[in-house]
Structure formats: structure tokens, C-alpha cells
Protein backbone atom coordinates (compact mmCIF):
# COMPACT_ATOMS: atom_id res chain seq x y z
CA MET A 1 92.73 -51.74 105.75
CA LYS A 2 94.42 -49.27 108.33
CA THR A 3 94.31 -52.06 110.96
CA ILE A 4 96.21 -54.42 108.60
CA LYS A 5 98.88 -51.74 107.91
CA VAL A 6 99.33 -51.19 111.66
CA ILE A 7 99.69 -54.89 112.38
CA LEU A 8 102.14 -55.32 109.42
CA SER A 9 104.13 -52.33 110.64
CA ILE A 10 104.41 -53.80 114.22
CA ILE A 11 105.42 -57.16 112.84
CA SER A 12 108.02 -55.64 110.50
CA ALA A 13 109.46 -53.64 113.38
CA LEU A 14 109.69 -56.73 115.50
CA VAL A 15 111.40 -58.67 112.83
CA LEU A 16 113.83 -55.94 112.21
CA ALA A 17 114.64 -55.68 115.96
CA PHE A 18 115.24 -59.43 116.05
CA PHE A 19 117.62 -59.36 113.19
CA LEU A 20 119.42 -56.32 114.43
CA THR A 21 120.04 -58.06 117.71
CA GLY A 22 122.52 -60.45 115.99
CA LEU A 23 124.46 -57.45 114.61
CA ILE A 24 124.53 -55.54 117.88
CA VAL A 25 124.98 -58.36 120.45
CA LYS A 26 127.91 -60.53 119.66
CA GLU A 27 127.92 -62.59 122.82
CA THR A 28 125.60 -63.24 125.70
CA ASN A 29 127.36 -63.08 129.15
CA TYR A 30 125.96 -64.08 132.61
CA SER A 31 127.07 -65.51 135.94
CA ALA A 32 125.97 -67.78 138.73
CA GLU A 33 127.34 -68.57 142.18
CA ILE A 34 126.94 -71.13 144.91
CA SER A 35 128.43 -71.77 148.40
CA VAL A 36 129.30 -75.39 149.31
CA ASN A 37 129.68 -76.35 152.90
CA LYS A 38 132.85 -78.23 152.30
CA PRO A 39 136.62 -77.43 152.17
CA LEU A 40 137.94 -76.08 148.89
CA LYS A 41 140.27 -78.94 148.03
CA GLU A 42 137.54 -81.49 148.50
CA VAL A 43 135.04 -79.47 146.40
CA PHE A 44 137.48 -78.91 143.58
CA LYS A 45 138.29 -82.56 143.46
CA LEU A 46 134.63 -83.62 143.34
CA PHE A 47 133.87 -81.04 140.71
CA ASN A 48 136.63 -82.18 138.36
CA GLU A 49 136.19 -85.95 138.51
CA PRO A 50 134.80 -86.74 135.08
CA GLY A 51 132.59 -89.63 136.42
CA ASN A 52 130.80 -87.29 138.90
CA VAL A 53 129.51 -84.79 136.40
CA GLN A 54 126.48 -86.93 135.60
CA GLN A 55 125.51 -86.65 139.23
CA TRP A 56 124.55 -82.94 138.83
CA ILE A 57 123.92 -82.69 135.08
CA PRO A 58 121.59 -85.56 134.47
CA GLU A 59 121.08 -84.68 130.82
CA ILE A 60 124.63 -86.09 130.07
CA LYS A 61 124.25 -89.53 128.52
CA SER A 62 128.01 -90.14 127.90
CA ILE A 63 131.45 -88.73 128.14
CA ASP A 64 134.36 -89.98 125.96
CA THR A 65 137.95 -88.84 126.27
CA LEU A 66 139.40 -87.54 122.99
CA LYS A 67 142.64 -86.20 124.36
CA LEU A 68 143.96 -86.15 127.87
CA ASN A 69 146.94 -83.99 128.82
CA PRO A 70 148.80 -84.43 132.06
CA SER A 71 148.20 -80.82 133.11
CA PHE A 72 144.55 -81.14 131.95
CA THR A 73 144.78 -77.93 129.98
CA GLY A 74 144.09 -78.69 126.36
CA SER A 75 142.25 -81.98 127.14
CA GLU A 76 139.12 -82.70 125.03
CA PHE A 77 136.09 -84.75 125.63
CA LYS A 78 133.07 -85.74 123.50
CA MET A 79 129.76 -85.45 125.33
CA VAL A 80 126.27 -86.71 124.27
CA VAL A 81 123.50 -84.74 125.99
CA ASP A 82 119.83 -85.47 125.98
CA ASN A 83 118.10 -82.12 125.17
CA GLN A 84 114.40 -82.65 125.59
CA GLY A 85 114.45 -86.07 123.77
CA GLN A 86 117.03 -84.95 121.14
CA GLU A 87 120.64 -86.03 121.42
CA ILE A 88 123.22 -83.39 120.94
CA THR A 89 126.94 -84.10 120.61
CA MET A 90 129.29 -81.55 121.91
CA ILE A 91 133.03 -81.19 122.41
CA GLU A 92 134.35 -79.94 125.67
CA LYS A 93 137.94 -78.49 125.84
CA ILE A 94 139.65 -77.56 129.07
CA MET A 95 141.09 -74.16 128.28
CA ALA A 96 142.65 -73.32 131.78
CA TYR A 97 143.15 -75.54 134.79
CA VAL A 98 144.66 -74.21 138.04
CA PRO A 99 144.25 -76.77 140.89
CA ASN A 100 141.96 -75.42 143.68
CA GLU A 101 141.49 -72.00 141.92
CA LYS A 102 139.76 -72.22 138.57
CA ILE A 103 138.85 -74.31 135.48
CA THR A 104 137.77 -72.79 132.20
CA LEU A 105 135.74 -75.03 129.76
CA PHE A 106 134.92 -74.31 126.13
CA PHE A 107 131.98 -76.16 124.55
CA ASP A 108 131.15 -76.53 120.86
CA ALA A 109 127.67 -77.77 120.71
CA GLU A 110 126.71 -77.51 117.07
CA ASN A 111 125.67 -73.88 116.69
CA MET A 112 126.41 -72.81 120.29
CA LEU A 113 129.93 -71.88 121.28
CA LYS A 114 130.12 -71.54 125.13
CA THR A 115 132.85 -70.69 127.60
CA ASP A 116 132.49 -71.56 131.24
CA ASN A 117 134.94 -70.06 133.73
CA TYR A 118 134.57 -71.58 137.15
CA VAL A 119 136.39 -69.75 139.98
CA PHE A 120 136.83 -71.55 143.38
CA THR A 121 137.38 -69.59 146.57
CA GLU A 122 137.18 -70.43 150.24
CA LYS A 123 135.62 -68.38 153.01
CA ASP A 124 135.12 -69.62 156.53
CA GLY A 125 135.34 -73.23 155.64
CA HIS A 126 132.86 -72.92 152.78
CA THR A 127 133.82 -73.17 149.00
CA ILE A 128 132.41 -70.46 146.81
CA ILE A 129 131.97 -71.42 143.17
CA THR A 130 131.59 -68.60 140.84
CA LEU A 131 130.58 -69.23 137.14
CA ASN A 132 131.09 -66.63 134.45
CA SER A 133 129.68 -67.75 131.16
CA SER A 134 129.85 -66.52 127.68
CA CYS A 135 127.69 -67.73 124.65
CA GLN A 136 128.26 -67.12 121.03
CA SER A 137 127.12 -68.73 117.74
CA ASP A 138 128.54 -69.26 114.42
CA SER A 139 124.99 -69.19 113.09
CA TYR A 140 123.51 -65.65 112.52
CA ILE A 141 119.97 -66.69 113.47
CA MET A 142 121.11 -68.40 116.68
CA ALA A 143 123.20 -65.31 117.47
CA CYS A 144 120.02 -63.26 117.15
CA MET A 145 118.19 -65.58 119.67
CA PHE A 146 120.81 -65.96 122.37
CA PRO A 147 120.38 -62.58 124.06
CA TYR A 148 116.67 -63.41 124.56
CA PHE A 149 117.51 -66.63 126.24
CA GLU A 150 120.19 -65.26 128.63
CA GLY A 151 117.85 -65.88 131.62
CA VAL A 152 117.18 -69.43 130.63
CA PHE A 153 120.87 -70.10 130.22
CA GLN A 154 121.57 -68.54 133.64
CA GLU A 155 118.82 -70.49 135.33
CA GLN A 156 119.91 -73.81 133.90
CA ASP A 157 123.54 -73.18 135.05
CA GLN A 158 122.34 -72.14 138.50
CA THR A 159 120.35 -75.37 138.69
CA TYR A 160 123.40 -77.42 137.83
CA LEU A 161 125.48 -75.53 140.53
CA ASN A 162 122.62 -76.17 143.09
CA ASN A 163 122.63 -79.84 142.08
CA PHE A 164 126.34 -79.98 142.53
CA LYS A 165 126.09 -78.41 145.97
CA ALA A 166 123.54 -81.10 147.02
CA TYR A 167 125.76 -83.78 145.64
CA ALA A 168 129.01 -82.51 147.13
CA GLU A 169 127.47 -81.96 150.63
CA LYS A 170 126.25 -85.60 150.76
CA GLN A 171 129.76 -86.88 150.09
């Protein structure tokens, strides 16, 4: 009987810690970086051509333009992504666009609200892309889970940056 009480106490403590996570941690932040052996202007152009994104993010099945502004800021796109056999529809909005410097994207993917801020700098003929990401959720249960998946999110975005590097350097 004592063993059962100990096991139940441990399970209760873990469940409590899980649910407290959503109250304490409101957003999950991480960063990733890559250096591309190409000039800044060329890299920025390749990165921001909508038809190219599927070259380094193969999970994207389609991209439809919902709203296109001349300055790009405020433009919106509908993306369909294959997430391990399940299709997810997300809305991407360009929050900031400064040519050859940065682009900030906001994604609303069902219960995940994600902001990706890409900063482009040049050093010795190489372009450095720095990604700073922030994830939140409008679902309490998902908000409890995100901090535990920070490493997975970061690894996925680093993989996409590595894929972009390989693509860009072949062009």
C-alpha cells in the first residue's frame, strides 16, 4: 500500500508540475544561425522568393497568397504543411520586411502562434542568417507542452536553415 501511495504522489507531482508550466512559462524562445557562402543581396533574394521555400522546407505542400502588399509588410499567405501525414493549414503574415536586413514572419498554425525574426548580416563575403523564434499558444494544454519541446523546435528550424544553406550555395 505504501508503494502505491509513493507512486501516486510522484504522478501527482509530475502532473502538477506540467500544469504549472503553462502558468509560469508564457512563451518559448530559441535561436538558430547559419553562414551562407554567398553575398548578402543574393541570399536575401533567394530566401524571400515564395517559390523557393519548398526547396528547403519540404513539408510545405502549397502556398496561396491571401494579401500581397507592395512593401511586403502586412502580406498574408495560406500554407498547407504535411506534419507526419496530417495536413495542417497555417496563415503566415509578414510583420516586418527590411530589404537585405531582416524579415519577421508570424505564423498562426491552429494552436501554435509563432514569430520568426530573421536577421541577415554580411561578414567577409558570407551571409549570416540569425533566427530568433518565439512560440506561444492560445490553448492552455499546448502552452504547458511548448517549453518541453523547445529543443525539437530549435532543431527543426536549424535543419531548415541548413537546408537553405545547401540550396543557396548550389545556385
